[in-house]
């Protein structure tokens, strides 16, 4: 969700106070140094005016290898695009020269983070000078620093912050976080429940290519505790055989008990090391079965082994990968019509883990299903509130009370 900007101007009715004005989303000033491009290209196409030292000795071959290696170093450069946009937005607001932006000093980056995570109080006169803010959480602000660090490295500069610099920045952000405690917190993402999954299954037309794909995505994300982005793409043109699931990445087999299962081999995952393939395992689940959802998808949407696993055919017969926001919008239209409210991409992963835990599946098994580094209880402890009574209610009755 895009950040929303505000500024505080002097109040016309309360002396010494200010009034909040909503500004929508701010835009950096246009610059030839920062051409309009996709977020995942900003690290390499947005430049500075200073010339960095050469990363290799004089050689066209070595320079080419350095450039290729730099571009391949990040799994998803698009994740850093927002932080880079925010940094230049800050520099525009505070009139930071191009020469001071790259390389950036500790003072500049410390100032940037303070501005990025600030939650200006209209009752403090110092804020009522019209300076715009586009506040984010402290966690996001620190991720922005990672984006700026990556930008320096991609452009041939050393990392801009030392360990002691980061200690000083975290000292400041910790203070702001305590001041702002509770003011910007948002409720936990709601889990998709089994009843919601059943509603989706009942409403969808599984002989329709698009809706068959929607059901396969939902069933696999729930039962496989998958991140929604692992089953979808950001845009129609974003599909990559190197990064996303293909038809050839789905395997059907039988386990040691001669029970059917499916395995999805993720070519790239958020927590995977370079070249590591993570596996999603799916077991039969009666009428809400992910295995049946996949097999139905293969029947309704024939495709080659190199086509997206979760894909559908449009009216012209063209194979199209399932786009994340399109899928969520369609699913939420069904949930809202059924009175379930709005869910988010992570809600399926949360919902699957919550359901397994509610059925007393061993947390270690849930950890393996969801590919977590720690026990699922630590990540989804709030699921316990849904089943607390099963374990703790009326225990005093065992003693006659």
Protein backbone atom coordinates (compact mmCIF):
# COMPACT_ATOMS: atom_id res chain seq x y z
CA UNK A 1 0.00 0.00 0.00
CA UNK A 2 1.41 3.40 -0.96
CA UNK A 3 2.37 5.76 1.84
CA UNK A 4 0.15 8.76 2.50
CA UNK A 5 1.84 12.14 2.97
CA UNK A 6 0.91 14.91 5.40
CA UNK A 7 2.11 18.34 6.36
CA UNK A 8 1.33 20.52 9.35
CA UNK A 9 0.49 24.17 8.98
CA UNK A 10 -0.20 26.71 11.75
CA UNK A 11 -3.68 26.36 13.19
CA UNK A 12 -6.10 29.21 12.54
CA UNK A 13 -7.98 28.48 15.76
CA UNK A 14 -5.49 27.06 18.31
CA UNK A 15 -2.48 29.30 19.09
CA UNK A 16 0.85 27.46 19.02
CA UNK A 17 -0.64 24.35 17.43
CA UNK A 18 -0.94 23.08 13.88
CA UNK A 19 -3.44 21.46 11.57
CA UNK A 20 -2.80 18.29 9.57
CA UNK A 21 -3.22 18.53 5.80
CA UNK A 22 -3.46 15.31 3.77
CA UNK A 23 -1.34 15.38 0.62
CA UNK A 24 -1.75 11.94 -0.93
CA UNK A 25 1.45 10.42 -2.30
CA UNK A 26 4.46 12.65 -2.88
CA UNK A 27 6.55 12.49 -6.05
CA UNK A 28 10.30 13.19 -6.39
CA UNK A 29 11.33 16.03 -8.67
CA UNK A 30 12.16 14.93 -12.25
CA UNK A 31 15.85 14.56 -12.99
CA UNK A 32 17.94 13.35 -15.91
CA UNK A 33 19.93 11.38 -13.35
CA UNK A 34 16.81 9.41 -12.42
CA UNK A 35 14.92 8.34 -15.56
CA UNK A 36 11.41 6.98 -15.29
CA UNK A 37 11.81 3.21 -15.01
CA UNK A 38 10.54 0.17 -13.17
CA UNK A 39 11.34 -0.12 -9.48
CA UNK A 40 13.69 -3.05 -10.02
CA UNK A 41 15.82 -0.97 -12.42
CA UNK A 42 16.37 2.05 -10.18
CA UNK A 43 19.47 0.68 -8.43
CA UNK A 44 21.30 0.56 -11.75
CA UNK A 45 19.68 3.32 -13.85
CA UNK A 46 19.50 6.06 -11.19
CA UNK A 47 22.93 7.70 -11.07
CA UNK A 48 24.90 10.27 -9.12
CA UNK A 49 27.11 13.06 -10.48
CA UNK A 50 30.25 11.87 -8.70
CA UNK A 51 32.51 9.29 -10.37
CA UNK A 52 33.14 6.16 -8.27
CA UNK A 53 36.52 4.40 -8.19
CA UNK A 54 36.88 1.57 -10.69
CA UNK A 55 35.96 -1.80 -9.14
CA UNK A 56 38.46 -3.70 -11.34
CA UNK A 57 41.73 -3.14 -13.12
CA UNK A 58 41.64 -1.71 -16.64
CA UNK A 59 40.02 -4.42 -18.79
CA UNK A 60 36.81 -4.51 -20.82
CA UNK A 61 36.27 -8.16 -19.94
CA UNK A 62 36.67 -7.59 -16.20
CA UNK A 63 34.46 -4.51 -16.31
CA UNK A 64 31.77 -6.54 -18.09
CA UNK A 65 32.04 -9.34 -15.51
CA UNK A 66 31.77 -6.82 -12.68
CA UNK A 67 28.63 -5.28 -14.22
CA UNK A 68 26.99 -8.67 -14.82
CA UNK A 69 27.83 -9.86 -11.30
CA UNK A 70 26.46 -6.66 -9.77
CA UNK A 71 23.11 -6.98 -11.53
CA UNK A 72 22.79 -10.65 -10.58
CA UNK A 73 23.69 -10.09 -6.93
CA UNK A 74 20.16 -9.23 -5.76
CA UNK A 75 17.32 -11.74 -5.94
CA UNK A 76 14.70 -9.01 -6.35
CA UNK A 77 16.02 -5.49 -6.91
CA UNK A 78 12.43 -4.23 -7.05
CA UNK A 79 12.20 -4.51 -3.27
CA UNK A 80 14.68 -1.63 -3.02
CA UNK A 81 12.96 0.68 -5.47
CA UNK A 82 10.61 2.20 -2.88
CA UNK A 83 13.44 3.03 -0.50
CA UNK A 84 15.43 4.73 -3.24
CA UNK A 85 12.40 6.78 -4.31
CA UNK A 86 11.82 7.84 -0.70
CA UNK A 87 15.47 8.88 -0.26
CA UNK A 88 15.44 11.19 -3.27
CA UNK A 89 12.08 12.55 -2.19
CA UNK A 90 13.65 13.49 1.16
CA UNK A 91 16.64 15.06 -0.58
CA UNK A 92 14.33 17.16 -2.78
CA UNK A 93 12.36 18.40 0.24
CA UNK A 94 15.47 19.41 2.17
CA UNK A 95 17.38 20.74 -0.88
CA UNK A 96 20.22 18.21 -0.69
CA UNK A 97 22.53 18.67 -3.68
CA UNK A 98 23.12 15.87 -6.17
CA UNK A 99 26.78 15.74 -5.16
CA UNK A 100 25.86 14.97 -1.56
CA UNK A 101 23.43 12.17 -2.41
CA UNK A 102 25.97 9.68 -3.76
CA UNK A 103 28.01 8.89 -1.81
CA UNK A 104 25.82 9.80 1.16
CA UNK A 105 27.17 10.83 4.55
CA UNK A 106 26.14 9.45 7.93
CA UNK A 107 24.49 12.77 8.82
CA UNK A 108 22.38 12.68 5.65
CA UNK A 109 21.22 9.09 6.14
CA UNK A 110 20.57 9.60 9.83
CA UNK A 111 18.46 12.63 8.94
CA UNK A 112 16.66 10.68 6.22
CA UNK A 113 15.60 7.90 8.59
CA UNK A 114 14.43 10.35 11.24
CA UNK A 115 12.23 12.08 8.64
CA UNK A 116 10.99 8.82 7.11
CA UNK A 117 9.75 7.35 10.39
CA UNK A 118 8.61 10.61 12.02
CA UNK A 119 5.00 10.88 13.13
CA UNK A 120 4.70 14.68 13.43
CA UNK A 121 2.56 15.89 16.31
CA UNK A 122 0.41 18.92 15.33
CA UNK A 123 0.62 20.15 18.93
CA UNK A 124 4.38 20.71 18.59
CA UNK A 125 4.93 24.09 16.90
CA UNK A 126 8.26 23.04 15.36
CA UNK A 127 6.40 20.85 12.87
CA UNK A 128 4.01 23.57 11.72
CA UNK A 129 6.26 24.94 8.99
CA UNK A 130 4.67 23.09 6.06
CA UNK A 131 7.38 20.42 5.69
CA UNK A 132 5.77 17.34 4.09
CA UNK A 133 6.13 13.93 5.69
CA UNK A 134 5.36 10.50 4.26
CA UNK A 135 5.74 8.37 7.41
CA UNK A 136 6.51 4.67 7.54
CA UNK A 137 7.26 2.31 10.41
CA UNK A 138 10.73 2.06 11.94
CA UNK A 139 11.13 -1.40 10.44
CA UNK A 140 10.41 -0.08 6.94
CA UNK A 141 12.68 2.90 7.51
CA UNK A 142 15.60 0.61 8.32
CA UNK A 143 14.83 -1.41 5.18
CA UNK A 144 15.13 1.85 3.24
CA UNK A 145 18.71 2.10 4.51
CA UNK A 146 19.37 -1.35 3.03
CA UNK A 147 18.10 -0.01 -0.29
CA UNK A 148 20.48 2.95 -0.16
CA UNK A 149 23.35 0.65 0.78
CA UNK A 150 22.54 -1.55 -2.23
CA UNK A 151 22.38 1.54 -4.45
CA UNK A 152 25.88 2.58 -3.35
CA UNK A 153 27.26 -0.88 -4.08
CA UNK A 154 25.50 -1.11 -7.45
CA UNK A 155 26.91 2.27 -8.43
CA UNK A 156 30.46 1.36 -7.42
CA UNK A 157 30.69 3.05 -4.00
CA UNK A 158 31.58 1.52 -0.63
CA UNK A 159 28.76 0.92 1.89
CA UNK A 160 27.85 4.32 3.34
CA UNK A 161 27.35 3.29 6.98
CA UNK A 162 29.68 1.56 9.43
CA UNK A 163 28.50 -0.68 12.25
CA UNK A 164 28.91 2.19 14.72
CA UNK A 165 26.87 4.45 12.40
CA UNK A 166 24.05 1.89 12.41
CA UNK A 167 24.23 1.68 16.20
CA UNK A 168 23.65 5.43 16.41
CA UNK A 169 20.77 5.31 13.93
CA UNK A 170 19.11 2.42 15.75
CA UNK A 171 19.52 4.34 19.03
CA UNK A 172 17.45 7.15 17.49
CA UNK A 173 14.84 4.94 15.85
CA UNK A 174 14.36 2.97 19.05
CA UNK A 175 13.54 6.24 20.81
CA UNK A 176 11.05 7.28 18.13
CA UNK A 177 9.48 3.83 18.23
CA UNK A 178 8.88 4.16 21.97
CA UNK A 179 7.42 7.65 21.56
CA UNK A 180 5.09 6.41 18.83
CA UNK A 181 4.20 3.12 20.54
CA UNK A 182 0.58 2.24 19.80
CA UNK A 183 -0.09 5.28 17.62
CA UNK A 184 0.66 3.58 14.33
CA UNK A 185 0.16 -0.07 15.12
CA UNK A 186 -2.24 -1.97 12.94
CA UNK A 187 -4.12 -5.15 13.76
CA UNK A 188 -2.54 -8.47 12.77
CA UNK A 189 -3.34 -9.75 9.32
CA UNK A 190 -6.47 -11.91 9.60
CA UNK A 191 -6.16 -15.59 8.73
CA UNK A 192 -8.20 -17.23 6.01
CA UNK A 193 -10.29 -19.84 7.79
CA UNK A 194 -11.43 -23.24 6.59
CA UNK A 195 -14.98 -21.89 6.30
CA UNK A 196 -13.75 -19.06 4.09
CA UNK A 197 -11.87 -21.53 1.91
CA UNK A 198 -15.05 -23.62 1.61
CA UNK A 199 -17.02 -20.52 0.62
CA UNK A 200 -14.52 -19.75 -2.11
CA UNK A 201 -14.70 -23.32 -3.39
CA UNK A 202 -18.50 -23.25 -3.44
CA UNK A 203 -18.75 -19.97 -5.38
CA UNK A 204 -16.03 -20.50 -7.97
CA UNK A 205 -16.82 -22.06 -11.34
CA UNK A 206 -14.08 -24.64 -11.64
CA UNK A 207 -14.62 -25.19 -15.37
CA UNK A 208 -13.73 -21.54 -15.99
CA UNK A 209 -9.98 -21.15 -16.71
CA UNK A 210 -9.52 -18.02 -14.60
CA UNK A 211 -11.54 -19.28 -11.64
CA UNK A 212 -9.93 -22.73 -11.80
CA UNK A 213 -6.59 -20.97 -11.45
CA UNK A 214 -7.86 -18.84 -8.57
CA UNK A 215 -8.95 -21.98 -6.72
CA UNK A 216 -5.62 -23.74 -7.32
CA UNK A 217 -3.73 -20.71 -5.99
CA UNK A 218 -5.95 -20.43 -2.91
CA UNK A 219 -5.92 -24.14 -2.07
CA UNK A 220 -2.15 -24.48 -2.49
CA UNK A 221 -1.42 -21.29 -0.56
CA UNK A 222 -3.63 -22.44 2.34
CA UNK A 223 -2.64 -26.11 2.64
CA UNK A 224 0.98 -25.51 1.65
CA UNK A 225 1.34 -22.44 3.92
CA UNK A 226 2.72 -20.58 0.91
CA UNK A 227 3.43 -16.91 0.58
CA UNK A 228 0.89 -15.59 -1.92
CA UNK A 229 3.69 -14.18 -4.04
CA UNK A 230 5.09 -17.68 -4.49
CA UNK A 231 1.97 -18.69 -6.42
CA UNK A 232 1.44 -15.43 -8.33
CA UNK A 233 3.39 -12.72 -10.15
CA UNK A 234 3.42 -8.96 -9.62
CA UNK A 235 2.49 -8.11 -13.21
CA UNK A 236 1.50 -10.00 -16.33
CA UNK A 237 4.94 -9.51 -17.86
CA UNK A 238 6.89 -10.31 -14.69
CA UNK A 239 6.87 -14.11 -15.06
CA UNK A 240 10.36 -15.63 -15.12
CA UNK A 241 11.15 -19.34 -15.48
CA UNK A 242 14.11 -18.75 -13.18
CA UNK A 243 12.03 -17.23 -10.37
CA UNK A 244 8.48 -18.55 -10.62
CA UNK A 245 6.74 -21.92 -10.55
CA UNK A 246 6.29 -23.65 -13.91
CA UNK A 247 4.13 -26.63 -14.82
CA UNK A 248 7.28 -28.78 -14.74
CA UNK A 249 7.83 -27.78 -11.10
CA UNK A 250 4.75 -29.73 -9.96
CA UNK A 251 5.26 -33.41 -9.13
CA UNK A 252 2.62 -35.99 -8.14
CA UNK A 253 3.59 -39.17 -6.34
CA UNK A 254 2.88 -41.64 -3.54
CA UNK A 255 4.49 -41.71 -0.11
CA UNK A 256 5.67 -44.70 1.97
CA UNK A 257 2.08 -45.38 3.05
CA UNK A 258 0.98 -45.40 -0.59
CA UNK A 259 -0.89 -42.13 -0.04
CA UNK A 260 -0.93 -39.56 -2.88
CA UNK A 261 0.83 -36.24 -2.47
CA UNK A 262 2.00 -33.33 -4.58
CA UNK A 263 5.31 -31.48 -4.41
CA UNK A 264 5.93 -28.00 -5.78
CA UNK A 265 9.60 -27.16 -6.34
CA UNK A 266 10.07 -23.44 -5.78
CA UNK A 267 12.91 -22.20 -8.02
CA UNK A 268 13.26 -19.11 -5.84
CA UNK A 269 11.96 -18.33 -2.36
CA UNK A 270 12.30 -15.45 0.07
CA UNK A 271 14.38 -17.43 2.56
CA UNK A 272 16.23 -19.64 0.05
CA UNK A 273 19.94 -19.38 -0.60
CA UNK A 274 21.06 -18.76 -4.20
CA UNK A 275 20.37 -21.89 -6.23
CA UNK A 276 18.45 -23.55 -3.38
CA UNK A 277 15.10 -25.13 -4.27
CA UNK A 278 12.50 -25.20 -1.53
CA UNK A 279 9.64 -27.70 -1.61
CA UNK A 280 5.95 -27.29 -0.88
CA UNK A 281 4.23 -30.57 0.06
CA UNK A 282 0.49 -31.04 -0.33
CA UNK A 283 -1.63 -33.92 0.99
CA UNK A 284 -5.22 -34.94 0.11
CA UNK A 285 -7.93 -32.87 1.86
CA UNK A 286 -11.33 -34.26 0.85
CA UNK A 287 -13.48 -31.69 -0.98
CA UNK A 288 -11.05 -28.78 -0.45
CA UNK A 289 -8.07 -30.68 -1.80
CA UNK A 290 -5.12 -28.83 -3.33
CA UNK A 291 -4.15 -31.92 -5.32
CA UNK A 292 -7.57 -31.98 -6.97
CA UNK A 293 -7.35 -28.22 -7.53
CA UNK A 294 -4.08 -28.65 -9.41
CA UNK A 295 -5.35 -31.59 -11.46
CA UNK A 296 -8.48 -29.63 -12.35
CA UNK A 297 -6.33 -26.68 -13.39
CA UNK A 298 -4.29 -28.91 -15.69
CA UNK A 299 -7.47 -30.21 -17.34
CA UNK A 300 -9.14 -26.83 -17.77
CA UNK A 301 -5.96 -24.94 -18.73
CA UNK A 302 -3.65 -27.11 -20.85
CA UNK A 303 -0.13 -25.68 -20.99
CA UNK A 304 3.46 -26.64 -21.72
CA UNK A 305 6.01 -27.61 -19.09
CA UNK A 306 7.61 -24.15 -19.31
CA UNK A 307 4.38 -22.19 -18.82
CA UNK A 308 3.48 -20.73 -15.41
CA UNK A 309 2.11 -23.36 -13.03
CA UNK A 310 -0.69 -21.05 -11.91
CA UNK A 311 -1.94 -19.73 -15.23
CA UNK A 312 -5.15 -19.39 -17.23
CA UNK A 313 -6.13 -18.80 -20.85
CA UNK A 314 -7.88 -15.62 -21.95
CA UNK A 315 -10.58 -15.50 -24.66
CA UNK A 316 -7.91 -15.47 -27.36
CA UNK A 317 -6.35 -18.63 -25.91
CA UNK A 318 -3.26 -16.83 -24.63
CA UNK A 319 -1.65 -18.27 -21.48
CA UNK A 320 -1.54 -15.66 -18.71
CA UNK A 321 0.14 -16.01 -15.30
CA UNK A 322 -2.03 -15.22 -12.29
CA UNK A 323 -1.29 -11.67 -11.11
CA UNK A 324 -1.20 -11.20 -7.35
CA UNK A 325 -3.38 -8.09 -7.03
CA UNK A 326 -5.90 -9.39 -9.57
CA UNK A 327 -6.27 -12.65 -7.64
CA UNK A 328 -6.65 -10.93 -4.27
CA UNK A 329 -9.20 -8.47 -5.63
CA UNK A 330 -11.30 -11.31 -7.08
CA UNK A 331 -11.05 -13.40 -3.91
CA UNK A 332 -11.92 -10.45 -1.69
CA UNK A 333 -14.99 -9.64 -3.79
CA UNK A 334 -16.29 -13.11 -2.87
CA UNK A 335 -15.30 -12.85 0.78
CA UNK A 336 -16.89 -9.41 1.22
CA UNK A 337 -20.09 -10.56 -0.46
CA UNK A 338 -20.17 -13.46 2.01
CA UNK A 339 -19.58 -11.20 5.00
CA UNK A 340 -15.99 -12.30 5.66
CA UNK A 341 -14.35 -8.90 5.11
CA UNK A 342 -11.00 -8.32 3.43
CA UNK A 343 -7.99 -10.61 3.48
CA UNK A 344 -4.39 -10.12 2.43
CA UNK A 345 -1.86 -12.23 0.61
CA UNK A 346 -0.29 -13.49 3.82
CA UNK A 347 -3.70 -14.45 5.18
CA UNK A 348 -3.61 -17.82 3.40
CA UNK A 349 -0.23 -18.72 4.89
CA UNK A 350 -1.41 -17.60 8.32
CA UNK A 351 -4.71 -19.44 7.86
CA UNK A 352 -3.10 -22.73 6.91
CA UNK A 353 -0.70 -22.63 9.86
CA UNK A 354 -3.50 -21.62 12.24
CA UNK A 355 -5.71 -24.48 11.07
CA UNK A 356 -2.96 -27.08 11.42
CA UNK A 357 -2.15 -25.83 14.93
CA UNK A 358 -5.84 -25.83 15.90
CA UNK A 359 -5.95 -29.51 14.91
CA UNK A 360 -2.98 -30.22 17.21
CA UNK A 361 -0.57 -30.92 14.37
CA UNK A 362 2.94 -31.01 15.85
CA UNK A 363 4.42 -27.48 15.58
CA UNK A 364 7.60 -28.95 14.15
CA UNK A 365 5.56 -30.46 11.30
CA UNK A 366 3.89 -27.08 10.72
CA UNK A 367 7.31 -25.46 10.67
CA UNK A 368 8.42 -27.89 7.96
CA UNK A 369 5.24 -27.35 5.94
CA UNK A 370 5.65 -23.57 5.97
CA UNK A 371 9.46 -23.66 5.65
CA UNK A 372 9.94 -21.49 8.74
CA UNK A 373 13.28 -21.19 10.45
CA UNK A 374 11.63 -21.23 13.90
CA UNK A 375 8.60 -22.95 15.34
CA UNK A 376 5.33 -21.73 13.87
CA UNK A 377 4.08 -21.03 17.39
CA UNK A 378 6.55 -18.17 17.58
CA UNK A 379 5.32 -16.61 14.35
CA UNK A 380 1.58 -17.31 14.59
CA UNK A 381 1.00 -17.39 18.32
CA UNK A 382 -2.15 -15.32 17.85
CA UNK A 383 -3.78 -18.40 16.29
CA UNK A 384 -3.99 -19.78 19.83
CA UNK A 385 -6.81 -17.38 20.69
CA UNK A 386 -9.01 -19.20 18.19
CA UNK A 387 -8.61 -22.55 19.99
CA UNK A 388 -7.76 -21.49 23.53
CA UNK A 389 -11.06 -22.78 24.93
CA UNK A 390 -10.41 -26.28 23.56
CA UNK A 391 -7.39 -26.59 25.79
CA UNK A 392 -8.15 -24.47 28.86
CA UNK A 393 -11.92 -23.96 29.34
CA UNK A 394 -13.77 -25.46 32.34
CA UNK A 395 -10.76 -27.29 33.72
CA UNK A 396 -11.89 -26.42 37.23
CA UNK A 397 -14.87 -28.68 36.61
CA UNK A 398 -12.51 -31.65 36.90
CA UNK A 399 -12.27 -30.78 40.59
CA UNK A 400 -15.94 -30.14 41.22
CA UNK A 401 -15.86 -26.35 40.87
